[in-house]
C-alpha atoms as a PDB file:
ATOM      1  CA  UNK A   1     -25.433  11.412  -9.339  1.00  0.00           C
ATOM      2  CA  UNK A   2     -26.592   9.629  -6.407  1.00  0.00           C
ATOM      3  CA  UNK A   3     -24.988  10.045  -3.023  1.00  0.00           C
ATOM      4  CA  UNK A   4     -23.368   6.882  -2.367  1.00  0.00           C
ATOM      5  CA  UNK A   5     -22.340   8.066   1.241  1.00  0.00           C
ATOM      6  CA  UNK A   6     -23.498   6.381   4.333  1.00  0.00           C
ATOM      7  CA  UNK A   7     -24.543   8.909   7.202  1.00  0.00           C
ATOM      8  CA  UNK A   8     -23.971   7.983  11.058  1.00  0.00           C
ATOM      9  CA  UNK A   9     -23.824   4.238  10.290  1.00  0.00           C
ATOM     10  CA  UNK A  10     -21.108   1.610  11.655  1.00  0.00           C
ATOM     11  CA  UNK A  11     -20.176  -1.365   9.488  1.00  0.00           C
ATOM     12  CA  UNK A  12     -19.368  -4.551  11.892  1.00  0.00           C
ATOM     13  CA  UNK A  13     -16.845  -7.128  10.562  1.00  0.00           C
ATOM     14  CA  UNK A  14     -18.722 -10.111   8.390  1.00  0.00           C
ATOM     15  CA  UNK A  15     -19.996 -12.954  10.527  1.00  0.00           C
ATOM     16  CA  UNK A  16     -17.713 -15.175   8.368  1.00  0.00           C
ATOM     17  CA  UNK A  17     -14.657 -12.914   9.042  1.00  0.00           C
ATOM     18  CA  UNK A  18     -11.673 -15.383   9.755  1.00  0.00           C
ATOM     19  CA  UNK A  19      -9.712 -12.975  12.136  1.00  0.00           C
ATOM     20  CA  UNK A  20     -10.628 -12.235  15.793  1.00  0.00           C
ATOM     21  CA  UNK A  21      -8.256  -9.519  15.782  1.00  0.00           C
ATOM     22  CA  UNK A  22      -7.936  -6.790  13.160  1.00  0.00           C
ATOM     23  CA  UNK A  23      -5.241  -7.294  10.959  1.00  0.00           C
ATOM     24  CA  UNK A  24      -3.345  -4.688   9.099  1.00  0.00           C
ATOM     25  CA  UNK A  25      -2.947  -5.577   5.336  1.00  0.00           C
ATOM     26  CA  UNK A  26       0.228  -5.907   3.649  1.00  0.00           C
ATOM     27  CA  UNK A  27       1.211  -5.773  -0.193  1.00  0.00           C
ATOM     28  CA  UNK A  28       1.953  -8.892  -1.281  1.00  0.00           C
ATOM     29  CA  UNK A  29       4.128  -7.116  -4.730  1.00  0.00           C
ATOM     30  CA  UNK A  30       5.281  -3.961  -5.825  1.00  0.00           C
ATOM     31  CA  UNK A  31       1.762  -2.988  -6.327  1.00  0.00           C
ATOM     32  CA  UNK A  32      -0.234  -1.882  -3.231  1.00  0.00           C
ATOM     33  CA  UNK A  33      -3.455  -3.751  -3.032  1.00  0.00           C
ATOM     34  CA  UNK A  34      -7.139  -2.464  -2.543  1.00  0.00           C
ATOM     35  CA  UNK A  35      -7.410  -3.460   0.832  1.00  0.00           C
ATOM     36  CA  UNK A  36      -3.728  -1.783   1.491  1.00  0.00           C
ATOM     37  CA  UNK A  37      -4.444   1.446  -0.156  1.00  0.00           C
ATOM     38  CA  UNK A  38      -8.269   1.813   1.416  1.00  0.00           C
ATOM     39  CA  UNK A  39      -6.768   0.630   5.089  1.00  0.00           C
ATOM     40  CA  UNK A  40      -3.808   3.379   4.240  1.00  0.00           C
ATOM     41  CA  UNK A  41      -6.244   6.088   3.605  1.00  0.00           C
ATOM     42  CA  UNK A  42      -8.750   5.448   6.573  1.00  0.00           C
ATOM     43  CA  UNK A  43      -6.400   4.814   8.876  1.00  0.00           C
ATOM     44  CA  UNK A  44      -4.035   7.068   8.038  1.00  0.00           C
ATOM     45  CA  UNK A  45      -6.506   9.791   8.015  1.00  0.00           C
ATOM     46  CA  UNK A  46      -9.604   8.910  10.190  1.00  0.00           C
ATOM     47  CA  UNK A  47     -13.064  11.239   9.541  1.00  0.00           C
ATOM     48  CA  UNK A  48     -11.007  12.921   6.609  1.00  0.00           C
ATOM     49  CA  UNK A  49     -12.627  11.130   3.696  1.00  0.00           C
ATOM     50  CA  UNK A  50     -16.096   9.316   2.964  1.00  0.00           C
ATOM     51  CA  UNK A  51     -17.113   6.572   1.292  1.00  0.00           C
ATOM     52  CA  UNK A  52     -16.979   7.885  -2.120  1.00  0.00           C
ATOM     53  CA  UNK A  53     -13.810   9.835  -1.659  1.00  0.00           C
ATOM     54  CA  UNK A  54     -12.293   6.378  -0.802  1.00  0.00           C
ATOM     55  CA  UNK A  55     -13.720   4.119  -3.363  1.00  0.00           C
ATOM     56  CA  UNK A  56     -12.869   6.709  -5.988  1.00  0.00           C
ATOM     57  CA  UNK A  57      -8.937   7.426  -4.398  1.00  0.00           C
ATOM     58  CA  UNK A  58      -8.457   4.057  -4.523  1.00  0.00           C
ATOM     59  CA  UNK A  59     -10.013   3.165  -8.272  1.00  0.00           C
ATOM     60  CA  UNK A  60      -7.682   6.290  -9.137  1.00  0.00           C
ATOM     61  CA  UNK A  61      -4.438   5.313  -7.766  1.00  0.00           C
ATOM     62  CA  UNK A  62      -4.585   1.718  -9.193  1.00  0.00           C
ATOM     63  CA  UNK A  63      -5.906   3.037 -12.745  1.00  0.00           C
ATOM     64  CA  UNK A  64      -2.476   5.703 -12.015  1.00  0.00           C
ATOM     65  CA  UNK A  65      -5.424   8.443 -13.226  1.00  0.00           C
ATOM     66  CA  UNK A  66      -3.728  11.815 -13.400  1.00  0.00           C
ATOM     67  CA  UNK A  67      -5.147  14.522 -11.099  1.00  0.00           C
ATOM     68  CA  UNK A  68      -5.475  16.916 -13.822  1.00  0.00           C
ATOM     69  CA  UNK A  69      -8.522  14.441 -15.393  1.00  0.00           C
ATOM     70  CA  UNK A  70      -9.174  12.965 -11.774  1.00  0.00           C
ATOM     71  CA  UNK A  71     -12.923  15.178 -11.606  1.00  0.00           C
ATOM     72  CA  UNK A  72     -14.076  13.776 -14.954  1.00  0.00           C
ATOM     73  CA  UNK A  73     -12.890  10.626 -14.064  1.00  0.00           C
ATOM     74  CA  UNK A  74     -14.925  10.894 -11.053  1.00  0.00           C
ATOM     75  CA  UNK A  75     -17.882  11.884 -12.792  1.00  0.00           C
ATOM     76  CA  UNK A  76     -17.429   8.741 -14.974  1.00  0.00           C
ATOM     77  CA  UNK A  77     -17.149   6.256 -11.923  1.00  0.00           C
ATOM     78  CA  UNK A  78     -20.121   7.451  -9.988  1.00  0.00           C
ATOM     79  CA  UNK A  79     -22.444   7.177 -13.214  1.00  0.00           C
ATOM     80  CA  UNK A  80     -22.338   3.447 -12.923  1.00  0.00           C
ATOM     81  CA  UNK A  81     -23.246   1.466  -9.566  1.00  0.00           C
ATOM     82  CA  UNK A  82     -20.196   1.093  -7.170  1.00  0.00           C
ATOM     83  CA  UNK A  83     -19.981  -1.381  -4.339  1.00  0.00           C
ATOM     84  CA  UNK A  84     -20.017   0.478  -0.852  1.00  0.00           C
ATOM     85  CA  UNK A  85     -17.431  -0.179   1.510  1.00  0.00           C
ATOM     86  CA  UNK A  86     -19.630  -2.879   2.527  1.00  0.00           C
ATOM     87  CA  UNK A  87     -17.853  -5.443   0.685  1.00  0.00           C
ATOM     88  CA  UNK A  88     -14.116  -3.732   1.782  1.00  0.00           C
ATOM     89  CA  UNK A  89     -12.075  -6.752   2.486  1.00  0.00           C
ATOM     90  CA  UNK A  90     -11.353  -4.419   5.740  1.00  0.00           C
ATOM     91  CA  UNK A  91     -14.271  -5.739   6.849  1.00  0.00           C
ATOM     92  CA  UNK A  92     -14.462  -9.151   5.306  1.00  0.00           C
ATOM     93  CA  UNK A  93     -11.360 -10.588   5.855  1.00  0.00           C
ATOM     94  CA  UNK A  94      -9.174  -8.183   8.014  1.00  0.00           C
ATOM     95  CA  UNK A  95     -11.602  -7.594  11.103  1.00  0.00           C
ATOM     96  CA  UNK A  96     -12.084  -3.439  10.623  1.00  0.00           C
ATOM     97  CA  UNK A  97     -15.077  -1.926  11.666  1.00  0.00           C
ATOM     98  CA  UNK A  98     -15.943   1.346   9.890  1.00  0.00           C
ATOM     99  CA  UNK A  99     -17.661   3.840  11.252  1.00  0.00           C
ATOM    100  CA  UNK A 100     -19.071   6.556   9.138  1.00  0.00           C
ATOM    101  CA  UNK A 101     -19.595  10.233  11.018  1.00  0.00           C
ATOM    102  CA  UNK A 102     -22.502  12.744  10.772  1.00  0.00           C
ATOM    103  CA  UNK A 103     -20.753  13.884   7.532  1.00  0.00           C
ATOM    104  CA  UNK A 104     -20.354  10.450   6.062  1.00  0.00           C
ATOM    105  CA  UNK A 105     -16.337  10.421   6.461  1.00  0.00           C
ATOM    106  CA  UNK A 106     -14.980   7.240   7.959  1.00  0.00           C
ATOM    107  CA  UNK A 107     -12.581   5.870  10.358  1.00  0.00           C
ATOM    108  CA  UNK A 108     -11.499   2.467  11.466  1.00  0.00           C
ATOM    109  CA  UNK A 109     -12.110   0.259  14.376  1.00  0.00           C
ATOM    110  CA  UNK A 110     -10.163  -2.922  15.318  1.00  0.00           C
ATOM    111  CA  UNK A 111     -13.135  -5.951  16.401  1.00  0.00           C
ATOM    112  CA  UNK A 112     -11.068  -6.457  19.946  1.00  0.00           C
ATOM    113  CA  UNK A 113     -11.236  -2.553  20.689  1.00  0.00           C
ATOM    114  CA  UNK A 114     -13.581  -1.161  22.967  1.00  0.00           C
ATOM    115  CA  UNK A 115     -14.611   1.325  20.639  1.00  0.00           C
ATOM    116  CA  UNK A 116     -15.448  -0.983  18.112  1.00  0.00           C
ATOM    117  CA  UNK A 117     -17.937  -2.491  20.730  1.00  0.00           C
ATOM    118  CA  UNK A 118     -18.990   1.127  21.616  1.00  0.00           C
ATOM    119  CA  UNK A 119     -20.326   1.576  18.104  1.00  0.00           C
ATOM    120  CA  UNK A 120     -21.535  -1.784  17.555  1.00  0.00           C
ATOM    121  CA  UNK A 121     -23.833  -1.345  20.357  1.00  0.00           C
ATOM    122  CA  UNK A 122     -24.645   2.393  20.042  1.00  0.00           C
ATOM    123  CA  UNK A 123     -28.415   2.297  19.231  1.00  0.00           C
ATOM    124  CA  UNK A 124     -27.882   5.764  17.608  1.00  0.00           C
ATOM    125  CA  UNK A 125     -26.435   4.695  14.372  1.00  0.00           C
ATOM    126  CA  UNK A 126     -27.355   2.644  11.875  1.00  0.00           C
ATOM    127  CA  UNK A 127     -25.888  -0.938  12.117  1.00  0.00           C
ATOM    128  CA  UNK A 128     -24.589  -2.979   8.949  1.00  0.00           C
ATOM    129  CA  UNK A 129     -22.916  -5.954   8.416  1.00  0.00           C
ATOM    130  CA  UNK A 130     -19.898  -6.420   5.976  1.00  0.00           C
ATOM    131  CA  UNK A 131     -20.393  -8.827   3.271  1.00  0.00           C
ATOM    132  CA  UNK A 132     -19.938 -12.482   3.960  1.00  0.00           C
ATOM    133  CA  UNK A 133     -17.398 -14.160   1.963  1.00  0.00           C
ATOM    134  CA  UNK A 134     -19.201 -17.151   1.520  1.00  0.00           C
ATOM    135  CA  UNK A 135     -23.120 -16.895   0.799  1.00  0.00           C
ATOM    136  CA  UNK A 136     -23.700 -20.562   3.035  1.00  0.00           C
END
Protein backbone atom coordinates (compact mmCIF):
# COMPACT_ATOMS: atom_id res chain seq x y z
CA UNK A 1 0.00 0.00 0.00
CA UNK A 2 1.34 3.44 -0.99
CA UNK A 3 2.00 6.00 1.77
CA UNK A 4 -0.43 8.91 1.24
CA UNK A 5 0.99 11.16 3.93
CA UNK A 6 2.85 14.41 3.32
CA UNK A 7 6.02 15.16 5.28
CA UNK A 8 7.31 18.65 5.98
CA UNK A 9 4.51 20.29 4.00
CA UNK A 10 1.90 23.02 4.36
CA UNK A 11 -1.48 23.14 2.63
CA UNK A 12 -2.50 26.77 2.26
CA UNK A 13 -6.14 27.76 1.91
CA UNK A 14 -7.57 27.70 -1.60
CA UNK A 15 -7.29 30.82 -3.74
CA UNK A 16 -11.08 31.00 -3.90
CA UNK A 17 -11.69 30.39 -0.18
CA UNK A 18 -14.62 32.66 0.75
CA UNK A 19 -13.36 33.61 4.25
CA UNK A 20 -10.47 35.80 5.37
CA UNK A 21 -10.64 34.56 8.97
CA UNK A 22 -10.90 30.87 9.81
CA UNK A 23 -14.32 29.54 10.75
CA UNK A 24 -14.96 26.49 12.92
CA UNK A 25 -17.31 24.16 11.00
CA UNK A 26 -20.53 23.25 12.80
CA UNK A 27 -22.87 20.29 12.34
CA UNK A 28 -26.14 21.14 10.64
CA UNK A 29 -28.02 18.20 12.14
CA UNK A 30 -27.50 15.31 14.55
CA UNK A 31 -24.83 13.73 12.36
CA UNK A 32 -21.46 15.43 12.12
CA UNK A 33 -20.25 16.45 8.67
CA UNK A 34 -16.85 15.49 7.28
CA UNK A 35 -15.39 18.98 7.93
CA UNK A 36 -16.65 18.91 11.53
CA UNK A 37 -15.08 15.50 12.16
CA UNK A 38 -11.81 16.50 10.48
CA UNK A 39 -11.68 19.74 12.45
CA UNK A 40 -12.36 18.03 15.79
CA UNK A 41 -9.71 15.37 15.21
CA UNK A 42 -6.98 17.75 14.11
CA UNK A 43 -7.75 20.81 16.26
CA UNK A 44 -8.27 18.80 19.45
CA UNK A 45 -5.13 16.70 18.87
CA UNK A 46 -2.54 18.73 16.92
CA UNK A 47 0.34 16.66 15.56
CA UNK A 48 -1.15 13.39 16.82
CA UNK A 49 -2.66 12.04 13.59
CA UNK A 50 -1.39 11.64 10.04
CA UNK A 51 -3.42 12.52 6.98
CA UNK A 52 -4.19 8.81 6.51
CA UNK A 53 -5.39 8.54 10.13
CA UNK A 54 -7.75 11.48 9.69
CA UNK A 55 -9.14 10.34 6.34
CA UNK A 56 -9.81 6.80 7.52
CA UNK A 57 -11.15 7.68 10.97
CA UNK A 58 -13.68 10.10 9.49
CA UNK A 59 -14.74 7.42 6.99
CA UNK A 60 -15.01 4.81 9.77
CA UNK A 61 -17.09 7.05 12.04
CA UNK A 62 -19.47 8.11 9.28
CA UNK A 63 -19.91 4.48 8.22
CA UNK A 64 -20.21 3.13 11.78
CA UNK A 65 -17.38 0.62 11.35
CA UNK A 66 -16.85 -1.26 14.62
CA UNK A 67 -13.42 -1.03 16.23
CA UNK A 68 -12.83 -4.78 15.74
CA UNK A 69 -13.24 -4.42 11.96
CA UNK A 70 -11.19 -1.26 11.48
CA UNK A 71 -7.82 -2.83 10.55
CA UNK A 72 -9.31 -4.75 7.62
CA UNK A 73 -11.55 -1.81 6.67
CA UNK A 74 -8.53 0.53 6.65
CA UNK A 75 -6.64 -1.82 4.33
CA UNK A 76 -9.65 -1.92 1.97
CA UNK A 77 -10.13 1.86 2.22
CA UNK A 78 -6.56 2.60 1.11
CA UNK A 79 -6.45 -0.17 -1.51
CA UNK A 80 -8.04 2.38 -3.87
CA UNK A 81 -6.98 5.98 -4.30
CA UNK A 82 -8.32 8.47 -1.77
CA UNK A 83 -8.40 12.27 -2.03
CA UNK A 84 -5.87 13.95 0.24
CA UNK A 85 -6.49 16.80 2.68
CA UNK A 86 -5.97 19.29 -0.17
CA UNK A 87 -9.59 18.50 -1.04
CA UNK A 88 -10.84 19.12 2.51
CA UNK A 89 -13.40 21.86 3.08
CA UNK A 90 -11.18 23.04 5.95
CA UNK A 91 -8.87 24.66 3.39
CA UNK A 92 -11.41 25.22 0.63
CA UNK A 93 -14.24 26.81 2.59
CA UNK A 94 -13.35 27.35 6.25
CA UNK A 95 -9.94 29.10 6.12
CA UNK A 96 -7.68 26.53 7.81
CA UNK A 97 -4.14 25.76 6.65
CA UNK A 98 -2.93 22.23 7.35
CA UNK A 99 0.67 21.67 8.40
CA UNK A 100 2.26 18.23 8.05
CA UNK A 101 5.35 17.91 10.26
CA UNK A 102 8.40 15.78 9.46
CA UNK A 103 6.63 12.68 10.83
CA UNK A 104 3.52 13.35 8.71
CA UNK A 105 1.41 14.44 11.71
CA UNK A 106 -1.04 17.28 11.03
CA UNK A 107 -2.17 20.48 12.75
CA UNK A 108 -4.46 23.37 11.76
CA UNK A 109 -3.60 27.05 11.48
CA UNK A 110 -6.10 29.86 10.96
CA UNK A 111 -5.48 31.80 7.75
CA UNK A 112 -5.31 35.11 9.65
CA UNK A 113 -2.75 33.87 12.21
CA UNK A 114 0.92 34.76 12.45
CA UNK A 115 1.73 31.02 12.57
CA UNK A 116 -0.06 30.53 9.24
CA UNK A 117 1.99 33.33 7.67
CA UNK A 118 5.22 31.88 9.07
CA UNK A 119 4.45 28.42 7.68
CA UNK A 120 3.37 29.85 4.32
CA UNK A 121 6.66 31.75 4.00
CA UNK A 122 8.90 28.93 5.25
CA UNK A 123 11.03 27.90 2.27
CA UNK A 124 12.14 24.71 4.05
CA UNK A 125 8.72 23.08 3.77
CA UNK A 126 6.80 22.05 0.66
CA UNK A 127 3.92 24.37 -0.15
CA UNK A 128 0.59 23.26 -1.61
CA UNK A 129 -2.72 25.01 -2.07
CA UNK A 130 -6.04 23.51 -1.11
CA UNK A 131 -8.01 22.61 -4.21
CA UNK A 132 -10.12 25.38 -5.65
CA UNK A 133 -13.88 25.04 -5.36
CA UNK A 134 -14.46 26.65 -8.76
CA UNK A 135 -12.54 25.64 -11.86
CA UNK A 136 -12.58 29.11 -13.40
